[in-house]
């Protein structure tokens, strides 16, 4: 099954879907698709500095919330000694 995926060409529908996702993400975040890609790569590199994880095993998803009050309920604060 893995060998089939290596030689399988993506159809135009898959490519168009990826491009549309990139355009929507770029529009919602006010930054280019390339910038978002650099952020994802930098995030992966940062995690790899502290944990032994293969970059292929990490999936980075960015979700944009339209509701302004949503973040306050989902934040957990941690007290650090000495700070």
C-alpha atoms as a PDB file:
ATOM      1  CA  UNK A   1       0.000   0.000   0.000  1.00  0.00           C
ATOM      2  CA  UNK A   2       2.852   2.408   0.785  1.00  0.00           C
ATOM      3  CA  UNK A   3       4.505   1.760  -2.583  1.00  0.00           C
ATOM      4  CA  UNK A   4       1.289   2.661  -4.388  1.00  0.00           C
ATOM      5  CA  UNK A   5       1.118   6.052  -2.644  1.00  0.00           C
ATOM      6  CA  UNK A   6       4.676   6.885  -3.693  1.00  0.00           C
ATOM      7  CA  UNK A   7       3.899   6.493  -7.383  1.00  0.00           C
ATOM      8  CA  UNK A   8       0.328   7.780  -7.326  1.00  0.00           C
ATOM      9  CA  UNK A   9      -0.126  11.214  -8.876  1.00  0.00           C
ATOM     10  CA  UNK A  10      -2.461  13.619  -7.178  1.00  0.00           C
ATOM     11  CA  UNK A  11      -5.362  14.691  -9.315  1.00  0.00           C
ATOM     12  CA  UNK A  12      -6.251  18.306 -10.060  1.00  0.00           C
ATOM     13  CA  UNK A  13      -9.058  18.260  -7.487  1.00  0.00           C
ATOM     14  CA  UNK A  14      -6.627  17.518  -4.631  1.00  0.00           C
ATOM     15  CA  UNK A  15      -4.260  20.238  -5.806  1.00  0.00           C
ATOM     16  CA  UNK A  16      -7.096  22.768  -6.110  1.00  0.00           C
ATOM     17  CA  UNK A  17      -8.337  21.850  -2.627  1.00  0.00           C
ATOM     18  CA  UNK A  18      -4.868  22.458  -1.128  1.00  0.00           C
ATOM     19  CA  UNK A  19      -4.587  25.797  -2.908  1.00  0.00           C
ATOM     20  CA  UNK A  20      -8.017  26.883  -1.667  1.00  0.00           C
ATOM     21  CA  UNK A  21      -7.121  25.937   1.912  1.00  0.00           C
ATOM     22  CA  UNK A  22      -3.924  27.953   1.596  1.00  0.00           C
ATOM     23  CA  UNK A  23      -5.767  30.972   0.229  1.00  0.00           C
ATOM     24  CA  UNK A  24      -8.409  30.849   2.986  1.00  0.00           C
ATOM     25  CA  UNK A  25      -5.771  30.480   5.678  1.00  0.00           C
ATOM     26  CA  UNK A  26      -3.795  33.355   4.205  1.00  0.00           C
ATOM     27  CA  UNK A  27      -6.897  35.538   4.071  1.00  0.00           C
ATOM     28  CA  UNK A  28      -8.013  34.786   7.645  1.00  0.00           C
ATOM     29  CA  UNK A  29      -4.595  35.271   9.243  1.00  0.00           C
ATOM     30  CA  UNK A  30      -3.496  38.290   7.211  1.00  0.00           C
ATOM     31  CA  UNK A  31      -0.202  36.658   6.228  1.00  0.00           C
ATOM     32  CA  UNK A  32       0.948  34.739   3.185  1.00  0.00           C
ATOM     33  CA  UNK A  33       0.860  30.976   2.750  1.00  0.00           C
ATOM     34  CA  UNK A  34       4.678  30.927   2.688  1.00  0.00           C
ATOM     35  CA  UNK A  35       4.806  32.720   6.040  1.00  0.00           C
ATOM     36  CA  UNK A  36       2.416  30.193   7.559  1.00  0.00           C
ATOM     37  CA  UNK A  37       4.584  27.374   6.181  1.00  0.00           C
ATOM     38  CA  UNK A  38       7.674  28.939   7.786  1.00  0.00           C
ATOM     39  CA  UNK A  39       5.820  29.210  11.120  1.00  0.00           C
ATOM     40  CA  UNK A  40       4.908  25.511  10.953  1.00  0.00           C
ATOM     41  CA  UNK A  41       8.512  24.506  10.143  1.00  0.00           C
ATOM     42  CA  UNK A  42       9.869  26.681  12.945  1.00  0.00           C
ATOM     43  CA  UNK A  43       7.360  25.139  15.363  1.00  0.00           C
ATOM     44  CA  UNK A  44       8.503  21.641  14.387  1.00  0.00           C
ATOM     45  CA  UNK A  45      12.187  22.556  14.821  1.00  0.00           C
ATOM     46  CA  UNK A  46      11.479  24.037  18.245  1.00  0.00           C
ATOM     47  CA  UNK A  47       9.715  20.879  19.429  1.00  0.00           C
ATOM     48  CA  UNK A  48      12.576  18.737  18.101  1.00  0.00           C
ATOM     49  CA  UNK A  49      15.055  20.719  20.238  1.00  0.00           C
ATOM     50  CA  UNK A  50      13.401  19.523  23.434  1.00  0.00           C
ATOM     51  CA  UNK A  51      11.814  16.203  22.479  1.00  0.00           C
ATOM     52  CA  UNK A  52      13.032  13.265  20.437  1.00  0.00           C
ATOM     53  CA  UNK A  53      10.282  13.304  17.821  1.00  0.00           C
ATOM     54  CA  UNK A  54      10.528  12.752  14.094  1.00  0.00           C
ATOM     55  CA  UNK A  55       9.228  15.758  12.138  1.00  0.00           C
ATOM     56  CA  UNK A  56       7.183  13.388   9.964  1.00  0.00           C
ATOM     57  CA  UNK A  57       5.184  12.326  13.026  1.00  0.00           C
ATOM     58  CA  UNK A  58       4.078  15.883  13.836  1.00  0.00           C
ATOM     59  CA  UNK A  59       0.991  17.457  12.312  1.00  0.00           C
ATOM     60  CA  UNK A  60       0.612  21.204  12.800  1.00  0.00           C
ATOM     61  CA  UNK A  61      -2.884  22.654  12.437  1.00  0.00           C
ATOM     62  CA  UNK A  62      -3.749  26.285  12.892  1.00  0.00           C
ATOM     63  CA  UNK A  63      -7.336  27.088  13.771  1.00  0.00           C
ATOM     64  CA  UNK A  64      -8.672  30.607  13.638  1.00  0.00           C
ATOM     65  CA  UNK A  65     -11.512  31.321  16.069  1.00  0.00           C
ATOM     66  CA  UNK A  66     -13.948  34.076  15.139  1.00  0.00           C
ATOM     67  CA  UNK A  67     -15.356  34.389  18.647  1.00  0.00           C
ATOM     68  CA  UNK A  68     -13.430  36.844  20.803  1.00  0.00           C
ATOM     69  CA  UNK A  69     -14.471  35.406  24.180  1.00  0.00           C
ATOM     70  CA  UNK A  70     -13.519  31.822  23.381  1.00  0.00           C
ATOM     71  CA  UNK A  71      -9.833  32.056  24.313  1.00  0.00           C
ATOM     72  CA  UNK A  72     -10.442  33.226  27.872  1.00  0.00           C
ATOM     73  CA  UNK A  73     -12.234  30.006  28.831  1.00  0.00           C
ATOM     74  CA  UNK A  74      -9.559  27.745  27.319  1.00  0.00           C
ATOM     75  CA  UNK A  75      -6.453  29.321  28.911  1.00  0.00           C
ATOM     76  CA  UNK A  76      -4.642  27.530  31.738  1.00  0.00           C
ATOM     77  CA  UNK A  77      -2.162  29.587  33.770  1.00  0.00           C
ATOM     78  CA  UNK A  78       0.729  27.951  35.581  1.00  0.00           C
ATOM     79  CA  UNK A  79       2.545  29.595  38.504  1.00  0.00           C
ATOM     80  CA  UNK A  80       6.339  29.320  38.155  1.00  0.00           C
ATOM     81  CA  UNK A  81       8.498  29.634  41.274  1.00  0.00           C
ATOM     82  CA  UNK A  82      11.001  32.466  41.244  1.00  0.00           C
ATOM     83  CA  UNK A  83       9.240  34.538  38.606  1.00  0.00           C
END
